[in-house]
Every structure is written in C-alpha cells, then in structure tokens.
C-alpha cells in the first residue's frame, strides 16, 4: 500500500505541475486579450469574465498539488505562480507586442490556447477524473461546465 500511495502522490504532483505549466501557457495570451480589450467597450466585461474563470483554473493547479503534498502553502504558491502569467502577459502585450498584434493574430493565439486546453482536458483531466469512480458527478460537472461556457459564447462574453 505504501508504494501505491507514493505512486499516487507522484502522479498527482505530476498532474499539478502539468496543470501549472498548461495554465501558465494558457494565461499569457489571455493577458494579451485583457490588455487589448481594455481599450474597447468590452474591456470591463472581459476583465470580469476572465477573473471569474481564473478561480477554477487555480483550483485545477492547487488541488492535485495539495493532494500530493498536503501543503496548502505549496498548492497556493503554485496556483498563484501560474496565475501571475496573465498579468505578465498583459504587461508584455502592452510593452512589446502591441505594435505587432492584430485582432486576427490575437484570435489565432486564443484559438491555439483553447486547443491546448482541450487536449489537456481530454488526455489528462478526464482520465484522472475517471479514476475517482464518480462517473455521475464527472458527467454532471462536464455538462454544467460546458453549458456555462456555451452560455457565455451566446452572450458574447
């Protein structure tokens, strides 16, 4: 049982690190979007929408790290570090990328980011969720999350 527990903790830590890296890469172009939307009428809506959806993003980094280490501090630090890539992306965008970034390029960056996130969900998160053996809850969470995201698309958020 001890070897299985160590393997499980290592697997969870690997998942936490993977989520931190993925969220960091995901948050950089989001920072671009927030920075450039701040010059438009949708700026406040974009900032609120991205701010709200950053909560589950932090959880998907912190939860496996906490489960692997038992350290709230380590989980919080890793989630915060990956989340800080968003304001860093906004700063980079405003300081260096603004002259080169077009709305089309921003759309491509965000679409690529969405593709990476979708792949991570299918390849990593879904199989990990299945291991918890609560298929009904997994299905409900997936459907509710998808419905919320679809609703934000319909509303134009």
C-alpha atoms as a PDB file:
ATOM      1  CA  UNK A   1       0.000   0.000   0.000  1.00  0.00           C
ATOM      2  CA  UNK A   2       2.908   2.369   0.742  1.00  0.00           C
ATOM      3  CA  UNK A   3       4.334   2.039  -2.776  1.00  0.00           C
ATOM      4  CA  UNK A   4       0.892   2.643  -4.293  1.00  0.00           C
ATOM      5  CA  UNK A   5       0.465   5.728  -2.106  1.00  0.00           C
ATOM      6  CA  UNK A   6       3.865   7.100  -3.207  1.00  0.00           C
ATOM      7  CA  UNK A   7       2.999   6.399  -6.839  1.00  0.00           C
ATOM      8  CA  UNK A   8      -0.367   8.102  -6.418  1.00  0.00           C
ATOM      9  CA  UNK A   9       1.245  11.157  -4.807  1.00  0.00           C
ATOM     10  CA  UNK A  10       3.843  11.295  -7.588  1.00  0.00           C
ATOM     11  CA  UNK A  11       1.079  11.024 -10.202  1.00  0.00           C
ATOM     12  CA  UNK A  12      -0.877  13.820  -8.526  1.00  0.00           C
ATOM     13  CA  UNK A  13       2.219  16.037  -8.293  1.00  0.00           C
ATOM     14  CA  UNK A  14       2.917  15.387 -11.989  1.00  0.00           C
ATOM     15  CA  UNK A  15      -0.673  16.378 -12.776  1.00  0.00           C
ATOM     16  CA  UNK A  16      -0.328  19.547 -10.667  1.00  0.00           C
ATOM     17  CA  UNK A  17       2.898  20.502 -12.444  1.00  0.00           C
ATOM     18  CA  UNK A  18       1.362  19.782 -15.840  1.00  0.00           C
ATOM     19  CA  UNK A  19      -1.665  21.925 -14.984  1.00  0.00           C
ATOM     20  CA  UNK A  20       0.604  24.744 -13.727  1.00  0.00           C
ATOM     21  CA  UNK A  21       2.591  24.711 -16.979  1.00  0.00           C
ATOM     22  CA  UNK A  22      -0.563  24.482 -19.085  1.00  0.00           C
ATOM     23  CA  UNK A  23      -2.258  27.295 -17.164  1.00  0.00           C
ATOM     24  CA  UNK A  24       0.849  29.452 -17.498  1.00  0.00           C
ATOM     25  CA  UNK A  25       0.849  28.961 -21.266  1.00  0.00           C
ATOM     26  CA  UNK A  26      -2.922  29.469 -21.330  1.00  0.00           C
ATOM     27  CA  UNK A  27      -2.810  32.667 -19.284  1.00  0.00           C
ATOM     28  CA  UNK A  28      -0.200  34.505 -21.372  1.00  0.00           C
ATOM     29  CA  UNK A  29      -2.472  35.051 -24.412  1.00  0.00           C
ATOM     30  CA  UNK A  30      -5.379  35.703 -22.054  1.00  0.00           C
ATOM     31  CA  UNK A  31      -3.287  38.532 -20.649  1.00  0.00           C
ATOM     32  CA  UNK A  32      -2.944  39.828 -24.211  1.00  0.00           C
ATOM     33  CA  UNK A  33      -6.734  39.708 -24.594  1.00  0.00           C
ATOM     34  CA  UNK A  34      -7.335  41.543 -21.326  1.00  0.00           C
ATOM     35  CA  UNK A  35      -4.745  44.190 -22.189  1.00  0.00           C
ATOM     36  CA  UNK A  36      -6.102  44.904 -25.640  1.00  0.00           C
ATOM     37  CA  UNK A  37      -9.754  44.660 -24.661  1.00  0.00           C
ATOM     38  CA  UNK A  38      -9.081  47.366 -22.082  1.00  0.00           C
ATOM     39  CA  UNK A  39      -9.048  49.814 -24.996  1.00  0.00           C
ATOM     40  CA  UNK A  40     -12.544  48.753 -26.105  1.00  0.00           C
ATOM     41  CA  UNK A  41     -16.062  48.919 -24.751  1.00  0.00           C
ATOM     42  CA  UNK A  42     -15.933  45.245 -23.729  1.00  0.00           C
ATOM     43  CA  UNK A  43     -12.885  45.748 -21.515  1.00  0.00           C
ATOM     44  CA  UNK A  44     -14.698  45.619 -18.154  1.00  0.00           C
ATOM     45  CA  UNK A  45     -16.806  42.611 -19.200  1.00  0.00           C
ATOM     46  CA  UNK A  46     -13.699  40.790 -20.452  1.00  0.00           C
ATOM     47  CA  UNK A  47     -11.825  41.509 -17.212  1.00  0.00           C
ATOM     48  CA  UNK A  48     -14.713  40.227 -15.074  1.00  0.00           C
ATOM     49  CA  UNK A  49     -15.256  37.114 -17.221  1.00  0.00           C
ATOM     50  CA  UNK A  50     -11.593  36.173 -17.188  1.00  0.00           C
ATOM     51  CA  UNK A  51     -11.302  36.975 -13.485  1.00  0.00           C
ATOM     52  CA  UNK A  52     -14.221  34.669 -12.642  1.00  0.00           C
ATOM     53  CA  UNK A  53     -12.935  31.803 -14.755  1.00  0.00           C
ATOM     54  CA  UNK A  54      -9.499  32.102 -13.156  1.00  0.00           C
ATOM     55  CA  UNK A  55     -10.981  30.608  -9.972  1.00  0.00           C
ATOM     56  CA  UNK A  56     -11.425  27.066 -11.381  1.00  0.00           C
ATOM     57  CA  UNK A  57      -8.098  27.425 -13.192  1.00  0.00           C
ATOM     58  CA  UNK A  58      -6.391  27.987  -9.850  1.00  0.00           C
ATOM     59  CA  UNK A  59      -8.233  25.036  -8.367  1.00  0.00           C
ATOM     60  CA  UNK A  60      -7.065  22.639 -11.087  1.00  0.00           C
ATOM     61  CA  UNK A  61      -3.485  23.577 -10.249  1.00  0.00           C
ATOM     62  CA  UNK A  62      -3.832  23.673  -6.463  1.00  0.00           C
ATOM     63  CA  UNK A  63      -5.988  20.575  -5.868  1.00  0.00           C
ATOM     64  CA  UNK A  64      -3.576  17.914  -7.150  1.00  0.00           C
ATOM     65  CA  UNK A  65      -0.590  19.667  -5.563  1.00  0.00           C
ATOM     66  CA  UNK A  66      -2.380  19.789  -2.203  1.00  0.00           C
ATOM     67  CA  UNK A  67      -3.461  16.143  -2.553  1.00  0.00           C
ATOM     68  CA  UNK A  68       0.131  15.139  -3.342  1.00  0.00           C
ATOM     69  CA  UNK A  69       1.907  17.197  -0.685  1.00  0.00           C
ATOM     70  CA  UNK A  70      -0.663  18.061   1.987  1.00  0.00           C
ATOM     71  CA  UNK A  71       0.769  21.579   1.887  1.00  0.00           C
ATOM     72  CA  UNK A  72      -1.703  24.415   1.415  1.00  0.00           C
ATOM     73  CA  UNK A  73       1.208  26.805   1.056  1.00  0.00           C
ATOM     74  CA  UNK A  74       2.800  24.854  -1.791  1.00  0.00           C
ATOM     75  CA  UNK A  75      -0.558  24.448  -3.555  1.00  0.00           C
ATOM     76  CA  UNK A  76      -1.339  28.155  -3.220  1.00  0.00           C
ATOM     77  CA  UNK A  77       2.130  29.201  -4.368  1.00  0.00           C
ATOM     78  CA  UNK A  78       1.988  27.025  -7.472  1.00  0.00           C
ATOM     79  CA  UNK A  79      -1.525  28.201  -8.379  1.00  0.00           C
ATOM     80  CA  UNK A  80      -0.524  31.828  -7.810  1.00  0.00           C
ATOM     81  CA  UNK A  81       2.652  31.485  -9.858  1.00  0.00           C
ATOM     82  CA  UNK A  82       0.756  30.064 -12.824  1.00  0.00           C
ATOM     83  CA  UNK A  83      -1.940  32.730 -12.449  1.00  0.00           C
ATOM     84  CA  UNK A  84       0.589  35.565 -12.435  1.00  0.00           C
ATOM     85  CA  UNK A  85       1.426  34.727 -16.036  1.00  0.00           C
ATOM     86  CA  UNK A  86      -1.780  36.515 -17.039  1.00  0.00           C
ATOM     87  CA  UNK A  87      -0.809  39.993 -15.788  1.00  0.00           C
ATOM     88  CA  UNK A  88       2.698  39.260 -17.086  1.00  0.00           C
ATOM     89  CA  UNK A  89       1.147  38.539 -20.489  1.00  0.00           C
ATOM     90  CA  UNK A  90      -0.825  41.778 -20.321  1.00  0.00           C
ATOM     91  CA  UNK A  91       2.324  43.723 -19.476  1.00  0.00           C
ATOM     92  CA  UNK A  92       4.288  42.040 -22.282  1.00  0.00           C
ATOM     93  CA  UNK A  93       1.462  42.772 -24.683  1.00  0.00           C
ATOM     94  CA  UNK A  94       1.307  46.447 -23.811  1.00  0.00           C
ATOM     95  CA  UNK A  95       5.062  46.988 -23.736  1.00  0.00           C
ATOM     96  CA  UNK A  96       6.326  44.885 -26.638  1.00  0.00           C
ATOM     97  CA  UNK A  97       3.647  43.192 -28.703  1.00  0.00           C
ATOM     98  CA  UNK A  98       1.072  45.932 -29.202  1.00  0.00           C
ATOM     99  CA  UNK A  99       2.600  47.242 -32.452  1.00  0.00           C
ATOM    100  CA  UNK A 100       2.555  43.740 -33.992  1.00  0.00           C
ATOM    101  CA  UNK A 101      -0.639  42.252 -32.605  1.00  0.00           C
ATOM    102  CA  UNK A 102      -3.670  42.372 -34.836  1.00  0.00           C
ATOM    103  CA  UNK A 103      -7.161  41.201 -33.890  1.00  0.00           C
ATOM    104  CA  UNK A 104      -6.676  38.218 -36.217  1.00  0.00           C
ATOM    105  CA  UNK A 105      -3.368  37.230 -34.596  1.00  0.00           C
ATOM    106  CA  UNK A 106      -4.970  37.529 -31.153  1.00  0.00           C
ATOM    107  CA  UNK A 107      -7.795  35.240 -32.307  1.00  0.00           C
ATOM    108  CA  UNK A 108      -5.251  32.691 -33.521  1.00  0.00           C
ATOM    109  CA  UNK A 109      -3.357  32.857 -30.214  1.00  0.00           C
ATOM    110  CA  UNK A 110      -6.552  32.360 -28.235  1.00  0.00           C
ATOM    111  CA  UNK A 111      -7.712  29.530 -30.531  1.00  0.00           C
ATOM    112  CA  UNK A 112      -4.355  27.777 -30.112  1.00  0.00           C
ATOM    113  CA  UNK A 113      -4.615  28.208 -26.374  1.00  0.00           C
ATOM    114  CA  UNK A 114      -8.105  26.730 -26.440  1.00  0.00           C
ATOM    115  CA  UNK A 115      -6.804  23.764 -28.415  1.00  0.00           C
ATOM    116  CA  UNK A 116      -4.066  23.112 -25.865  1.00  0.00           C
ATOM    117  CA  UNK A 117      -6.590  23.341 -23.029  1.00  0.00           C
ATOM    118  CA  UNK A 118      -8.967  20.946 -24.801  1.00  0.00           C
ATOM    119  CA  UNK A 119      -6.165  18.437 -25.352  1.00  0.00           C
ATOM    120  CA  UNK A 120      -5.107  18.608 -21.706  1.00  0.00           C
ATOM    121  CA  UNK A 121      -8.708  18.085 -20.604  1.00  0.00           C
ATOM    122  CA  UNK A 122      -9.165  15.020 -22.805  1.00  0.00           C
ATOM    123  CA  UNK A 123      -5.703  13.500 -22.320  1.00  0.00           C
ATOM    124  CA  UNK A 124      -5.083  14.281 -18.637  1.00  0.00           C
ATOM    125  CA  UNK A 125      -8.053  15.600 -16.667  1.00  0.00           C
ATOM    126  CA  UNK A 126     -10.790  13.282 -17.919  1.00  0.00           C
ATOM    127  CA  UNK A 127      -8.804  10.063 -17.274  1.00  0.00           C
ATOM    128  CA  UNK A 128      -7.815  11.380 -13.831  1.00  0.00           C
ATOM    129  CA  UNK A 129     -11.460  12.179 -13.102  1.00  0.00           C
ATOM    130  CA  UNK A 130     -12.471   8.643 -14.149  1.00  0.00           C
ATOM    131  CA  UNK A 131     -10.053   7.201 -11.580  1.00  0.00           C
ATOM    132  CA  UNK A 132     -12.144   8.805  -8.832  1.00  0.00           C
ATOM    133  CA  UNK A 133     -15.017   6.453  -9.810  1.00  0.00           C
ATOM    134  CA  UNK A 134     -17.747   9.080  -9.529  1.00  0.00           C
ATOM    135  CA  UNK A 135     -18.858   8.958 -13.150  1.00  0.00           C
ATOM    136  CA  UNK A 136     -22.205  10.635 -12.458  1.00  0.00           C
ATOM    137  CA  UNK A 137     -20.548  13.630 -10.829  1.00  0.00           C
ATOM    138  CA  UNK A 138     -17.924  13.761 -13.582  1.00  0.00           C
ATOM    139  CA  UNK A 139     -20.659  13.805 -16.227  1.00  0.00           C
ATOM    140  CA  UNK A 140     -22.682  16.471 -14.369  1.00  0.00           C
ATOM    141  CA  UNK A 141     -19.612  18.672 -13.897  1.00  0.00           C
ATOM    142  CA  UNK A 142     -18.649  18.323 -17.550  1.00  0.00           C
ATOM    143  CA  UNK A 143     -22.181  19.119 -18.748  1.00  0.00           C
ATOM    144  CA  UNK A 144     -22.649  22.089 -16.405  1.00  0.00           C
ATOM    145  CA  UNK A 145     -19.218  23.499 -17.271  1.00  0.00           C
ATOM    146  CA  UNK A 146     -19.892  23.079 -20.992  1.00  0.00           C
ATOM    147  CA  UNK A 147     -23.313  24.704 -20.662  1.00  0.00           C
ATOM    148  CA  UNK A 148     -21.860  27.681 -18.786  1.00  0.00           C
ATOM    149  CA  UNK A 149     -19.148  28.159 -21.420  1.00  0.00           C
ATOM    150  CA  UNK A 150     -21.698  27.823 -24.221  1.00  0.00           C
ATOM    151  CA  UNK A 151     -23.880  30.406 -22.474  1.00  0.00           C
ATOM    152  CA  UNK A 152     -21.005  32.868 -22.287  1.00  0.00           C
ATOM    153  CA  UNK A 153     -20.418  32.375 -26.010  1.00  0.00           C
ATOM    154  CA  UNK A 154     -24.074  33.085 -26.739  1.00  0.00           C
ATOM    155  CA  UNK A 155     -23.964  36.210 -24.588  1.00  0.00           C
ATOM    156  CA  UNK A 156     -20.775  37.344 -26.288  1.00  0.00           C
ATOM    157  CA  UNK A 157     -18.726  37.381 -23.093  1.00  0.00           C
END
